[in-house]
Amino acid sequence: MELQFEGDELKSVLNRLRRAQGQISGVIKMIEEGRDCEDVVTQLAAASRALDRAGFAIIATGLQQCLTDSEKNERNGETTEQMRARLEKLFLSLA
Protein backbone atom coordinates (compact mmCIF):
# COMPACT_ATOMS: atom_id res chain seq x y z
CA MET A 1 0.00 0.00 0.00
CA GLU A 2 1.40 3.36 -0.99
CA LEU A 3 0.52 6.09 1.50
CA GLN A 4 -0.68 9.31 -0.07
CA PHE A 5 -1.20 12.54 1.83
CA GLU A 6 -3.13 15.52 0.60
CA GLY A 7 -2.75 19.22 1.40
CA ASP A 8 -3.55 19.75 5.07
CA GLU A 9 -2.77 16.14 6.06
CA LEU A 10 0.72 16.39 4.59
CA LYS A 11 1.32 19.79 6.14
CA SER A 12 0.18 18.59 9.58
CA VAL A 13 2.36 15.46 9.57
CA LEU A 14 5.41 17.32 8.31
CA ASN A 15 4.94 20.05 10.93
CA ARG A 16 4.76 17.47 13.70
CA LEU A 17 7.88 15.70 12.43
CA ARG A 18 9.78 18.99 12.12
CA ARG A 19 8.71 19.95 15.63
CA ALA A 20 10.01 16.64 16.94
CA GLN A 21 13.24 17.08 15.00
CA GLY A 22 13.76 20.49 16.61
CA GLN A 23 12.96 19.14 20.05
CA ILE A 24 15.41 16.26 19.63
CA SER A 25 18.09 18.72 18.53
CA GLY A 26 17.28 20.70 21.66
CA VAL A 27 17.66 17.59 23.83
CA ILE A 28 21.08 16.86 22.30
CA LYS A 29 22.21 20.43 22.91
CA MET A 30 20.90 20.34 26.48
CA ILE A 31 22.80 17.12 27.22
CA GLU A 32 25.99 18.53 25.66
CA GLU A 33 25.62 21.63 27.86
CA GLY A 34 25.02 19.56 31.00
CA ARG A 35 21.56 20.99 31.61
CA ASP A 36 19.26 19.93 34.43
CA CYS A 37 17.95 16.36 34.13
CA GLU A 38 14.32 17.40 34.63
CA ASP A 39 14.53 19.93 31.79
CA VAL A 40 16.10 17.32 29.48
CA VAL A 41 13.43 14.72 30.28
CA THR A 42 10.64 17.29 29.80
CA GLN A 43 11.99 18.19 26.36
CA LEU A 44 12.46 14.52 25.47
CA ALA A 45 8.86 13.77 26.48
CA ALA A 46 7.64 16.59 24.22
CA ALA A 47 9.60 15.14 21.30
CA SER A 48 8.17 11.70 21.99
CA ARG A 49 4.60 13.07 21.99
CA ALA A 50 5.20 14.89 18.70
CA LEU A 51 6.50 11.68 17.10
CA ASP A 52 3.56 9.70 18.49
CA ARG A 53 1.06 12.18 17.08
CA ALA A 54 2.74 12.14 13.69
CA GLY A 55 2.74 8.34 13.73
CA PHE A 56 -0.93 8.16 14.65
CA ALA A 57 -1.80 10.64 11.89
CA ILE A 58 0.09 8.48 9.40
CA ILE A 59 -1.69 5.34 10.63
CA ALA A 60 -5.09 7.06 10.51
CA THR A 61 -4.47 8.14 6.92
CA GLY A 62 -3.36 4.62 6.06
CA LEU A 63 -6.47 3.14 7.63
CA GLN A 64 -8.70 5.49 5.69
CA GLN A 65 -6.92 4.71 2.43
CA CYS A 66 -7.00 0.96 3.10
CA LEU A 67 -10.71 1.03 3.73
CA THR A 68 -11.34 2.86 0.47
CA ASP A 69 -8.94 0.54 -1.37
CA SER A 70 -10.27 -2.68 0.15
CA GLU A 71 -11.69 -3.92 -3.17
CA LYS A 72 -8.34 -3.34 -4.84
CA ASN A 73 -6.57 -5.23 -2.04
CA GLU A 74 -8.93 -8.15 -2.37
CA ARG A 75 -8.23 -8.30 -6.10
CA ASN A 76 -4.52 -8.46 -5.27
CA GLY A 77 -5.11 -11.48 -3.05
CA GLU A 78 -5.19 -9.81 0.37
CA THR A 79 -8.32 -10.51 2.39
CA THR A 80 -9.96 -7.92 4.60
CA GLU A 81 -8.81 -9.90 7.64
CA GLN A 82 -5.19 -9.93 6.45
CA MET A 83 -5.33 -6.18 5.82
CA ARG A 84 -6.85 -5.60 9.27
CA ALA A 85 -4.14 -7.70 10.94
CA ARG A 86 -1.38 -5.85 9.07
CA LEU A 87 -2.79 -2.44 10.04
CA GLU A 88 -3.30 -3.54 13.65
CA LYS A 89 0.35 -4.57 13.81
CA LEU A 90 1.40 -1.16 12.49
CA PHE A 91 -0.83 0.63 14.97
CA LEU A 92 0.46 -1.40 17.90
CA SER A 93 4.05 -0.67 16.89
CA LEU A 94 3.40 2.90 18.05
CA ALA A 95 1.88 1.91 21.39
C-alpha atoms as a PDB file:
ATOM      1  CA  MET A   1       0.000   0.000   0.000  1.00  0.00           C
ATOM      2  CA  GLU A   2       1.397   3.359  -0.995  1.00  0.00           C
ATOM      3  CA  LEU A   3       0.524   6.086   1.497  1.00  0.00           C
ATOM      4  CA  GLN A   4      -0.676   9.308  -0.074  1.00  0.00           C
ATOM      5  CA  PHE A   5      -1.197  12.539   1.833  1.00  0.00           C
ATOM      6  CA  GLU A   6      -3.127  15.519   0.598  1.00  0.00           C
ATOM      7  CA  GLY A   7      -2.752  19.222   1.399  1.00  0.00           C
ATOM      8  CA  ASP A   8      -3.550  19.747   5.065  1.00  0.00           C
ATOM      9  CA  GLU A   9      -2.772  16.141   6.058  1.00  0.00           C
ATOM     10  CA  LEU A  10       0.716  16.386   4.593  1.00  0.00           C
ATOM     11  CA  LYS A  11       1.322  19.793   6.142  1.00  0.00           C
ATOM     12  CA  SER A  12       0.181  18.592   9.585  1.00  0.00           C
ATOM     13  CA  VAL A  13       2.357  15.459   9.571  1.00  0.00           C
ATOM     14  CA  LEU A  14       5.409  17.322   8.305  1.00  0.00           C
ATOM     15  CA  ASN A  15       4.939  20.052  10.928  1.00  0.00           C
ATOM     16  CA  ARG A  16       4.759  17.469  13.701  1.00  0.00           C
ATOM     17  CA  LEU A  17       7.878  15.701  12.428  1.00  0.00           C
ATOM     18  CA  ARG A  18       9.784  18.987  12.118  1.00  0.00           C
ATOM     19  CA  ARG A  19       8.713  19.954  15.632  1.00  0.00           C
ATOM     20  CA  ALA A  20      10.010  16.639  16.941  1.00  0.00           C
ATOM     21  CA  GLN A  21      13.236  17.082  14.997  1.00  0.00           C
ATOM     22  CA  GLY A  22      13.757  20.489  16.610  1.00  0.00           C
ATOM     23  CA  GLN A  23      12.958  19.141  20.046  1.00  0.00           C
ATOM     24  CA  ILE A  24      15.414  16.259  19.631  1.00  0.00           C
ATOM     25  CA  SER A  25      18.095  18.722  18.528  1.00  0.00           C
ATOM     26  CA  GLY A  26      17.284  20.698  21.658  1.00  0.00           C
ATOM     27  CA  VAL A  27      17.663  17.590  23.826  1.00  0.00           C
ATOM     28  CA  ILE A  28      21.079  16.856  22.296  1.00  0.00           C
ATOM     29  CA  LYS A  29      22.214  20.426  22.914  1.00  0.00           C
ATOM     30  CA  MET A  30      20.897  20.339  26.476  1.00  0.00           C
ATOM     31  CA  ILE A  31      22.803  17.124  27.216  1.00  0.00           C
ATOM     32  CA  GLU A  32      25.992  18.533  25.664  1.00  0.00           C
ATOM     33  CA  GLU A  33      25.624  21.634  27.856  1.00  0.00           C
ATOM     34  CA  GLY A  34      25.024  19.563  31.001  1.00  0.00           C
ATOM     35  CA  ARG A  35      21.556  20.990  31.612  1.00  0.00           C
ATOM     36  CA  ASP A  36      19.259  19.928  34.430  1.00  0.00           C
ATOM     37  CA  CYS A  37      17.954  16.359  34.129  1.00  0.00           C
ATOM     38  CA  GLU A  38      14.318  17.396  34.632  1.00  0.00           C
ATOM     39  CA  ASP A  39      14.534  19.927  31.790  1.00  0.00           C
ATOM     40  CA  VAL A  40      16.100  17.324  29.480  1.00  0.00           C
ATOM     41  CA  VAL A  41      13.430  14.722  30.283  1.00  0.00           C
ATOM     42  CA  THR A  42      10.642  17.291  29.796  1.00  0.00           C
ATOM     43  CA  GLN A  43      11.994  18.192  26.360  1.00  0.00           C
ATOM     44  CA  LEU A  44      12.463  14.522  25.466  1.00  0.00           C
ATOM     45  CA  ALA A  45       8.859  13.773  26.477  1.00  0.00           C
ATOM     46  CA  ALA A  46       7.640  16.590  24.218  1.00  0.00           C
ATOM     47  CA  ALA A  47       9.602  15.141  21.298  1.00  0.00           C
ATOM     48  CA  SER A  48       8.170  11.701  21.987  1.00  0.00           C
ATOM     49  CA  ARG A  49       4.598  13.065  21.989  1.00  0.00           C
ATOM     50  CA  ALA A  50       5.197  14.890  18.697  1.00  0.00           C
ATOM     51  CA  LEU A  51       6.497  11.680  17.103  1.00  0.00           C
ATOM     52  CA  ASP A  52       3.562   9.698  18.489  1.00  0.00           C
ATOM     53  CA  ARG A  53       1.064  12.180  17.078  1.00  0.00           C
ATOM     54  CA  ALA A  54       2.736  12.138  13.689  1.00  0.00           C
ATOM     55  CA  GLY A  55       2.738   8.338  13.726  1.00  0.00           C
ATOM     56  CA  PHE A  56      -0.932   8.158  14.652  1.00  0.00           C
ATOM     57  CA  ALA A  57      -1.795  10.641  11.892  1.00  0.00           C
ATOM     58  CA  ILE A  58       0.091   8.485   9.396  1.00  0.00           C
ATOM     59  CA  ILE A  59      -1.685   5.343  10.631  1.00  0.00           C
ATOM     60  CA  ALA A  60      -5.090   7.063  10.508  1.00  0.00           C
ATOM     61  CA  THR A  61      -4.468   8.139   6.924  1.00  0.00           C
ATOM     62  CA  GLY A  62      -3.358   4.623   6.058  1.00  0.00           C
ATOM     63  CA  LEU A  63      -6.474   3.140   7.630  1.00  0.00           C
ATOM     64  CA  GLN A  64      -8.698   5.487   5.687  1.00  0.00           C
ATOM     65  CA  GLN A  65      -6.919   4.707   2.428  1.00  0.00           C
ATOM     66  CA  CYS A  66      -6.998   0.965   3.098  1.00  0.00           C
ATOM     67  CA  LEU A  67     -10.707   1.034   3.727  1.00  0.00           C
ATOM     68  CA  THR A  68     -11.342   2.858   0.466  1.00  0.00           C
ATOM     69  CA  ASP A  69      -8.945   0.542  -1.373  1.00  0.00           C
ATOM     70  CA  SER A  70     -10.271  -2.684   0.150  1.00  0.00           C
ATOM     71  CA  GLU A  71     -11.692  -3.919  -3.168  1.00  0.00           C
ATOM     72  CA  LYS A  72      -8.339  -3.340  -4.838  1.00  0.00           C
ATOM     73  CA  ASN A  73      -6.567  -5.225  -2.037  1.00  0.00           C
ATOM     74  CA  GLU A  74      -8.932  -8.152  -2.365  1.00  0.00           C
ATOM     75  CA  ARG A  75      -8.233  -8.300  -6.099  1.00  0.00           C
ATOM     76  CA  ASN A  76      -4.522  -8.461  -5.266  1.00  0.00           C
ATOM     77  CA  GLY A  77      -5.115 -11.484  -3.052  1.00  0.00           C
ATOM     78  CA  GLU A  78      -5.191  -9.807   0.365  1.00  0.00           C
ATOM     79  CA  THR A  79      -8.315 -10.512   2.389  1.00  0.00           C
ATOM     80  CA  THR A  80      -9.958  -7.917   4.601  1.00  0.00           C
ATOM     81  CA  GLU A  81      -8.813  -9.904   7.643  1.00  0.00           C
ATOM     82  CA  GLN A  82      -5.190  -9.928   6.448  1.00  0.00           C
ATOM     83  CA  MET A  83      -5.331  -6.184   5.816  1.00  0.00           C
ATOM     84  CA  ARG A  84      -6.846  -5.602   9.275  1.00  0.00           C
ATOM     85  CA  ALA A  85      -4.139  -7.699  10.936  1.00  0.00           C
ATOM     86  CA  ARG A  86      -1.384  -5.853   9.071  1.00  0.00           C
ATOM     87  CA  LEU A  87      -2.791  -2.445  10.043  1.00  0.00           C
ATOM     88  CA  GLU A  88      -3.304  -3.536  13.649  1.00  0.00           C
ATOM     89  CA  LYS A  89       0.351  -4.571  13.815  1.00  0.00           C
ATOM     90  CA  LEU A  90       1.400  -1.157  12.487  1.00  0.00           C
ATOM     91  CA  PHE A  91      -0.833   0.634  14.972  1.00  0.00           C
ATOM     92  CA  LEU A  92       0.455  -1.396  17.904  1.00  0.00           C
ATOM     93  CA  SER A  93       4.048  -0.670  16.891  1.00  0.00           C
ATOM     94  CA  LEU A  94       3.397   2.902  18.052  1.00  0.00           C
ATOM     95  CA  ALA A  95       1.884   1.906  21.395  1.00  0.00           C
END
